[in-house]
């Protein structure tokens, strides 16, 4: 998968696509997240209550945004609290972190990249070849993304040290 698109292009394509979420488009992200979190962090994942939101603002203090285009277009945001981000980064690095420094931020971006890469493989197997952008890390709760006035499905995944939320706004094109 090559990063051939911008976040704005992916958001525009998703906004113009039919407004329906299909399990074969959403499932790969949830399944990949559970698998990657278990493999990379040694954490069992429990899925929380799904809900929809339409807001240009992020829900948590740390968010990794990835744009997707191809057979599927849109955005995926992986968000978590600062404490959960420290937990994930510490598990991935193999040592405790007290602050989300450059190494910790890199670990969170890589976690998002691995999840989206595995989801992309599953999407392709389902007949939806796609490209993805490199992750963009947003720090600070309520960060506004100007192109994100899309309805997103929020899928919370709970681990021992917090919640990892997948915000999915992808559609078949």
Protein backbone atom coordinates (compact mmCIF):
# COMPACT_ATOMS: atom_id res chain seq x y z
CA UNK A 1 0.00 0.00 0.00
CA UNK A 2 1.33 3.37 -0.98
CA UNK A 3 0.40 6.76 0.41
CA UNK A 4 -1.00 8.32 -2.75
CA UNK A 5 -3.67 10.48 -1.09
CA UNK A 6 -4.16 13.27 1.37
CA UNK A 7 -6.48 13.32 4.36
CA UNK A 8 -8.62 15.94 2.64
CA UNK A 9 -8.98 13.78 -0.49
CA UNK A 10 -10.00 10.73 1.55
CA UNK A 11 -12.53 12.72 3.57
CA UNK A 12 -14.03 14.20 0.40
CA UNK A 13 -14.32 10.75 -1.22
CA UNK A 14 -15.99 9.31 1.89
CA UNK A 15 -18.44 12.22 2.07
CA UNK A 16 -19.46 11.66 -1.56
CA UNK A 17 -19.89 7.87 -1.23
CA UNK A 18 -23.21 6.26 -0.25
CA UNK A 19 -23.92 6.62 3.49
CA UNK A 20 -23.78 3.06 4.71
CA UNK A 21 -21.37 1.12 6.83
CA UNK A 22 -20.89 -2.53 5.93
CA UNK A 23 -19.49 -5.21 8.16
CA UNK A 24 -16.94 -6.23 5.51
CA UNK A 25 -15.58 -2.67 5.64
CA UNK A 26 -15.65 -2.17 9.43
CA UNK A 27 -14.82 -5.68 10.64
CA UNK A 28 -11.25 -5.79 9.29
CA UNK A 29 -10.26 -2.77 11.42
CA UNK A 30 -11.75 -4.17 14.62
CA UNK A 31 -10.31 -7.65 14.04
CA UNK A 32 -6.87 -6.27 13.12
CA UNK A 33 -6.82 -3.98 16.18
CA UNK A 34 -7.64 -6.84 18.55
CA UNK A 35 -5.03 -9.08 16.93
CA UNK A 36 -2.25 -6.45 16.82
CA UNK A 37 -2.90 -5.25 20.39
CA UNK A 38 -2.75 -8.85 21.63
CA UNK A 39 0.40 -9.66 19.62
CA UNK A 40 2.33 -6.44 20.22
CA UNK A 41 1.16 -5.51 23.71
CA UNK A 42 0.12 -8.86 25.19
CA UNK A 43 -3.31 -7.44 26.04
CA UNK A 44 -6.67 -9.16 25.76
CA UNK A 45 -9.25 -6.88 24.16
CA UNK A 46 -12.92 -6.50 25.07
CA UNK A 47 -15.19 -4.57 22.71
CA UNK A 48 -17.25 -1.79 24.23
CA UNK A 49 -20.54 -0.28 23.07
CA UNK A 50 -20.56 0.92 19.45
CA UNK A 51 -21.97 4.35 18.68
CA UNK A 52 -21.95 7.00 15.96
CA UNK A 53 -20.71 10.58 16.14
CA UNK A 54 -20.61 13.45 13.67
CA UNK A 55 -18.04 15.97 14.80
CA UNK A 56 -14.85 17.49 13.41
CA UNK A 57 -13.20 17.08 16.83
CA UNK A 58 -11.24 14.19 18.25
CA UNK A 59 -12.57 12.45 21.35
CA UNK A 60 -9.35 11.72 23.22
CA UNK A 61 -5.98 13.24 24.06
CA UNK A 62 -3.94 11.13 21.63
CA UNK A 63 -5.19 10.26 18.14
CA UNK A 64 -3.54 8.64 15.13
CA UNK A 65 -5.32 9.48 11.88
CA UNK A 66 -4.92 7.45 8.68
CA UNK A 67 -6.59 8.28 5.35
CA UNK A 68 -7.73 5.47 3.07
CA UNK A 69 -8.66 5.45 -0.61
CA UNK A 70 -9.17 2.94 -3.40
CA UNK A 71 -12.06 0.48 -3.25
CA UNK A 72 -12.76 2.03 0.15
CA UNK A 73 -12.40 5.73 0.96
CA UNK A 74 -12.37 7.57 4.24
CA UNK A 75 -10.56 8.02 7.50
CA UNK A 76 -9.70 5.84 10.47
CA UNK A 77 -8.73 7.45 13.77
CA UNK A 78 -7.28 5.45 16.62
CA UNK A 79 -7.68 7.47 19.81
CA UNK A 80 -6.93 7.03 23.50
CA UNK A 81 -6.29 8.96 26.68
CA UNK A 82 -2.77 10.07 27.51
CA UNK A 83 -2.55 7.31 30.16
CA UNK A 84 -3.68 4.63 27.72
CA UNK A 85 -1.19 5.93 25.11
CA UNK A 86 1.58 5.64 27.70
CA UNK A 87 0.44 2.08 28.43
CA UNK A 88 0.45 1.07 24.77
CA UNK A 89 3.77 2.76 24.05
CA UNK A 90 5.37 1.21 27.14
CA UNK A 91 4.19 -2.26 26.15
CA UNK A 92 5.43 -1.84 22.58
CA UNK A 93 8.82 -0.45 23.60
CA UNK A 94 9.24 -2.91 26.44
CA UNK A 95 9.96 -0.36 29.15
CA UNK A 96 7.80 2.03 31.16
CA UNK A 97 7.35 5.56 29.86
CA UNK A 98 6.40 8.49 32.09
CA UNK A 99 5.75 10.86 29.19
CA UNK A 100 4.73 10.48 25.58
CA UNK A 101 8.05 11.61 24.11
CA UNK A 102 9.14 11.16 20.47
CA UNK A 103 9.80 7.43 20.99
CA UNK A 104 6.38 6.94 22.58
CA UNK A 105 4.68 8.91 19.82
CA UNK A 106 6.47 6.79 17.24
CA UNK A 107 5.21 3.64 18.97
CA UNK A 108 1.59 4.88 18.83
CA UNK A 109 1.94 5.81 15.15
CA UNK A 110 3.42 2.38 14.43
CA UNK A 111 0.57 0.65 16.30
CA UNK A 112 -1.92 2.52 14.08
CA UNK A 113 0.11 1.69 10.99
CA UNK A 114 0.24 -2.04 11.81
CA UNK A 115 -3.50 -2.21 12.51
CA UNK A 116 -4.41 -0.36 9.31
CA UNK A 117 -1.95 -2.43 7.26
CA UNK A 118 -3.52 -5.68 8.47
CA UNK A 119 -7.01 -4.26 7.92
CA UNK A 120 -5.96 -3.28 4.38
CA UNK A 121 -4.90 -6.86 3.65
CA UNK A 122 -8.30 -8.10 4.85
CA UNK A 123 -10.11 -5.43 2.81
CA UNK A 124 -8.23 -6.54 -0.29
CA UNK A 125 -9.23 -10.17 0.36
CA UNK A 126 -12.85 -8.94 0.60
CA UNK A 127 -12.52 -7.30 -2.82
CA UNK A 128 -11.72 -3.74 -1.70
CA UNK A 129 -8.12 -2.91 -2.64
CA UNK A 130 -7.03 0.30 -0.96
CA UNK A 131 -4.13 2.62 -0.25
CA UNK A 132 -3.40 4.30 3.06
CA UNK A 133 -1.56 7.41 4.16
CA UNK A 134 1.13 7.38 6.81
CA UNK A 135 -0.32 7.99 10.29
CA UNK A 136 -0.71 11.57 11.49
CA UNK A 137 -0.52 11.89 15.28
CA UNK A 138 -2.76 14.49 16.93
CA UNK A 139 -2.02 15.41 20.53
CA UNK A 140 -4.65 17.16 22.63
CA UNK A 141 -8.29 16.37 23.28
CA UNK A 142 -10.73 18.14 20.99
CA UNK A 143 -8.29 18.69 18.14
CA UNK A 144 -10.31 19.88 15.17
CA UNK A 145 -9.88 18.23 11.80
CA UNK A 146 -11.36 20.58 9.24
CA UNK A 147 -12.27 17.83 6.77
CA UNK A 148 -13.82 15.48 9.34
CA UNK A 149 -17.47 16.50 9.31
CA UNK A 150 -18.33 12.86 8.57
CA UNK A 151 -20.43 10.43 10.56
CA UNK A 152 -17.98 8.08 12.25
CA UNK A 153 -18.62 4.73 13.86
CA UNK A 154 -16.81 4.57 17.21
CA UNK A 155 -15.67 1.14 18.34
CA UNK A 156 -14.17 1.19 21.84
CA UNK A 157 -11.73 -1.60 22.68
CA UNK A 158 -10.96 -2.02 26.38
CA UNK A 159 -7.61 -3.29 27.69
CA UNK A 160 -6.25 -3.50 31.24
CA UNK A 161 -4.86 0.06 31.25
CA UNK A 162 -7.57 1.93 29.36
CA UNK A 163 -9.59 2.24 26.21
CA UNK A 164 -8.48 2.29 22.57
CA UNK A 165 -11.19 3.74 20.34
CA UNK A 166 -11.38 3.17 16.60
CA UNK A 167 -13.26 5.97 14.82
CA UNK A 168 -14.18 4.62 11.39
CA UNK A 169 -15.55 6.72 8.54
CA UNK A 170 -15.02 4.52 5.49
CA UNK A 171 -17.30 3.74 2.58
CA UNK A 172 -17.19 1.68 -0.57
CA UNK A 173 -16.54 3.77 -3.67
